[in-house]
Amino acid sequence: MEPVASFPWPWTHVDDTVLVKTGAGALHTIVVNGLTTAGDITVYDGIDATGTIIAVLHLDPTTSVSVQPITFVYDLKIETGIYIDYDQAVAANLTVTYK
C-alpha cells in the first residue's frame, strides 16, 4: 500500500468562483459537500468563464439535501485548466480532485 503522501489526486476546497488549476491535466471528481441556496455551478476547461464547458451542476437543496455529499466522477482530460464558476444565487461547498 502506498503512503498517504503519495496519493495521486490533489484536491481543492471550493465555495465560490475560482481557478482551480492551470495547464493540462485531468479532472477526477467534484464532490458536493453541502449547499444552502439553489443555483448553478459551471465547470470549464479553461482559465476563466470563456473556456469549454465541461458541466453545469444545477443544485437545489430542496431536492438534493438528502443525498449530500455526492460525488460526480469525470475522469477526463483537461487542456487549459479547471475553472469553477458559481452563479450569483448558489451557496455550495465543493471538493475538486484533479491532476
C-alpha atoms as a PDB file:
ATOM      1  CA  MET A   1       0.000   0.000   0.000  1.00  0.00           C
ATOM      2  CA  GLU A   2       1.301   3.456  -0.900  1.00  0.00           C
ATOM      3  CA  PRO A   3       1.797   6.029   1.852  1.00  0.00           C
ATOM      4  CA  VAL A   4      -0.858   8.732   2.148  1.00  0.00           C
ATOM      5  CA  ALA A   5       1.678  11.348   0.998  1.00  0.00           C
ATOM      6  CA  SER A   6       1.814   9.788  -2.471  1.00  0.00           C
ATOM      7  CA  PHE A   7      -1.947   9.722  -3.071  1.00  0.00           C
ATOM      8  CA  PRO A   8      -2.382  10.662  -6.736  1.00  0.00           C
ATOM      9  CA  TRP A   9      -5.243  13.210  -6.619  1.00  0.00           C
ATOM     10  CA  PRO A  10      -4.594  16.675  -5.196  1.00  0.00           C
ATOM     11  CA  TRP A  11      -7.750  18.452  -4.060  1.00  0.00           C
ATOM     12  CA  THR A  12      -9.081  21.973  -3.674  1.00  0.00           C
ATOM     13  CA  HIS A  13     -11.929  23.117  -1.440  1.00  0.00           C
ATOM     14  CA  VAL A  14     -14.238  25.457  -3.383  1.00  0.00           C
ATOM     15  CA  ASP A  15     -17.017  27.703  -2.070  1.00  0.00           C
ATOM     16  CA  ASP A  16     -17.054  30.451  -4.719  1.00  0.00           C
ATOM     17  CA  THR A  17     -15.895  31.165  -8.270  1.00  0.00           C
ATOM     18  CA  VAL A  18     -12.232  30.150  -8.568  1.00  0.00           C
ATOM     19  CA  LEU A  19      -9.483  28.994 -10.908  1.00  0.00           C
ATOM     20  CA  VAL A  20      -8.620  25.559  -9.507  1.00  0.00           C
ATOM     21  CA  LYS A  21      -5.804  24.577 -11.879  1.00  0.00           C
ATOM     22  CA  THR A  22      -3.896  25.977 -14.823  1.00  0.00           C
ATOM     23  CA  GLY A  23      -2.464  23.880 -17.635  1.00  0.00           C
ATOM     24  CA  ALA A  24      -3.184  20.424 -18.980  1.00  0.00           C
ATOM     25  CA  GLY A  25      -4.151  17.582 -16.669  1.00  0.00           C
ATOM     26  CA  ALA A  26      -7.205  15.635 -15.582  1.00  0.00           C
ATOM     27  CA  LEU A  27     -10.412  16.392 -13.691  1.00  0.00           C
ATOM     28  CA  HIS A  28     -11.134  13.385 -11.483  1.00  0.00           C
ATOM     29  CA  THR A  29     -14.130  14.246  -9.273  1.00  0.00           C
ATOM     30  CA  ILE A  30     -16.307  17.015  -7.944  1.00  0.00           C
ATOM     31  CA  VAL A  31     -17.864  16.326  -4.546  1.00  0.00           C
ATOM     32  CA  VAL A  32     -20.835  18.425  -3.442  1.00  0.00           C
ATOM     33  CA  ASN A  33     -20.305  18.527   0.323  1.00  0.00           C
ATOM     34  CA  GLY A  34     -23.255  20.760   1.060  1.00  0.00           C
ATOM     35  CA  LEU A  35     -25.423  23.553  -0.264  1.00  0.00           C
ATOM     36  CA  THR A  36     -27.847  26.024   1.206  1.00  0.00           C
ATOM     37  CA  THR A  37     -29.097  28.054  -1.770  1.00  0.00           C
ATOM     38  CA  ALA A  38     -30.178  26.763  -5.184  1.00  0.00           C
ATOM     39  CA  GLY A  39     -28.286  27.763  -8.300  1.00  0.00           C
ATOM     40  CA  ASP A  40     -25.870  26.675 -10.990  1.00  0.00           C
ATOM     41  CA  ILE A  41     -22.161  25.921 -10.944  1.00  0.00           C
ATOM     42  CA  THR A  42     -20.465  25.752 -14.330  1.00  0.00           C
ATOM     43  CA  VAL A  43     -17.218  23.805 -14.716  1.00  0.00           C
ATOM     44  CA  TYR A  44     -14.893  24.882 -17.545  1.00  0.00           C
ATOM     45  CA  ASP A  45     -11.784  23.549 -19.231  1.00  0.00           C
ATOM     46  CA  GLY A  46     -10.163  26.951 -19.167  1.00  0.00           C
ATOM     47  CA  ILE A  47      -8.738  29.695 -17.000  1.00  0.00           C
ATOM     48  CA  ASP A  48     -11.967  31.713 -16.922  1.00  0.00           C
ATOM     49  CA  ALA A  49     -15.623  31.526 -17.940  1.00  0.00           C
ATOM     50  CA  THR A  50     -14.745  31.674 -21.655  1.00  0.00           C
ATOM     51  CA  GLY A  51     -13.336  28.127 -21.675  1.00  0.00           C
ATOM     52  CA  THR A  52     -15.029  24.950 -22.896  1.00  0.00           C
ATOM     53  CA  ILE A  53     -17.946  23.931 -20.679  1.00  0.00           C
ATOM     54  CA  ILE A  54     -17.427  20.540 -19.052  1.00  0.00           C
ATOM     55  CA  ALA A  55     -20.580  20.521 -16.919  1.00  0.00           C
ATOM     56  CA  VAL A  56     -23.326  22.653 -15.442  1.00  0.00           C
ATOM     57  CA  LEU A  57     -24.353  21.465 -11.996  1.00  0.00           C
ATOM     58  CA  HIS A  58     -27.858  22.648 -11.134  1.00  0.00           C
ATOM     59  CA  LEU A  59     -28.035  22.402  -7.376  1.00  0.00           C
ATOM     60  CA  ASP A  60     -31.235  22.709  -5.363  1.00  0.00           C
ATOM     61  CA  PRO A  61     -31.277  21.949  -1.628  1.00  0.00           C
ATOM     62  CA  THR A  62     -34.972  21.033  -1.698  1.00  0.00           C
ATOM     63  CA  THR A  63     -34.201  18.049  -3.942  1.00  0.00           C
ATOM     64  CA  SER A  64     -30.520  17.386  -3.206  1.00  0.00           C
ATOM     65  CA  VAL A  65     -30.158  17.721   0.560  1.00  0.00           C
ATOM     66  CA  SER A  66     -30.859  14.043   1.254  1.00  0.00           C
ATOM     67  CA  VAL A  67     -28.034  12.853  -0.985  1.00  0.00           C
ATOM     68  CA  GLN A  68     -25.224  15.122   0.216  1.00  0.00           C
ATOM     69  CA  PRO A  69     -22.361  14.600  -0.046  1.00  0.00           C
ATOM     70  CA  ILE A  70     -22.499  13.339  -3.598  1.00  0.00           C
ATOM     71  CA  THR A  71     -19.548  12.637  -5.898  1.00  0.00           C
ATOM     72  CA  PHE A  72     -19.536  13.282  -9.637  1.00  0.00           C
ATOM     73  CA  VAL A  73     -16.785  11.295 -11.376  1.00  0.00           C
ATOM     74  CA  TYR A  74     -15.467  12.872 -14.589  1.00  0.00           C
ATOM     75  CA  ASP A  75     -12.028  11.311 -15.237  1.00  0.00           C
ATOM     76  CA  LEU A  76     -11.453  13.455 -18.294  1.00  0.00           C
ATOM     77  CA  LYS A  77      -8.516  15.174 -19.921  1.00  0.00           C
ATOM     78  CA  ILE A  78      -8.142  18.917 -19.360  1.00  0.00           C
ATOM     79  CA  GLU A  79      -6.344  21.010 -21.978  1.00  0.00           C
ATOM     80  CA  THR A  80      -6.194  24.500 -20.411  1.00  0.00           C
ATOM     81  CA  GLY A  81      -7.200  24.403 -16.746  1.00  0.00           C
ATOM     82  CA  ILE A  82     -10.115  23.920 -14.375  1.00  0.00           C
ATOM     83  CA  TYR A  83     -12.299  26.945 -13.665  1.00  0.00           C
ATOM     84  CA  ILE A  84     -15.356  26.738 -11.402  1.00  0.00           C
ATOM     85  CA  ASP A  85     -17.986  29.485 -11.868  1.00  0.00           C
ATOM     86  CA  TYR A  86     -20.744  29.992  -9.282  1.00  0.00           C
ATOM     87  CA  ASP A  87     -23.828  31.928 -10.340  1.00  0.00           C
ATOM     88  CA  GLN A  88     -24.914  34.742  -8.021  1.00  0.00           C
ATOM     89  CA  ALA A  89     -27.588  32.652  -6.311  1.00  0.00           C
ATOM     90  CA  VAL A  90     -25.828  29.406  -5.376  1.00  0.00           C
ATOM     91  CA  ALA A  91     -24.195  28.814  -1.996  1.00  0.00           C
ATOM     92  CA  ALA A  92     -22.412  25.458  -2.097  1.00  0.00           C
ATOM     93  CA  ASN A  93     -19.290  23.764  -0.788  1.00  0.00           C
ATOM     94  CA  LEU A  94     -17.313  21.511  -3.148  1.00  0.00           C
ATOM     95  CA  THR A  95     -14.133  19.443  -3.180  1.00  0.00           C
ATOM     96  CA  VAL A  96     -12.455  19.144  -6.588  1.00  0.00           C
ATOM     97  CA  THR A  97      -9.843  16.416  -7.213  1.00  0.00           C
ATOM     98  CA  TYR A  98      -7.530  16.688 -10.226  1.00  0.00           C
ATOM     99  CA  LYS A  99      -4.010  16.255 -11.603  1.00  0.00           C
END
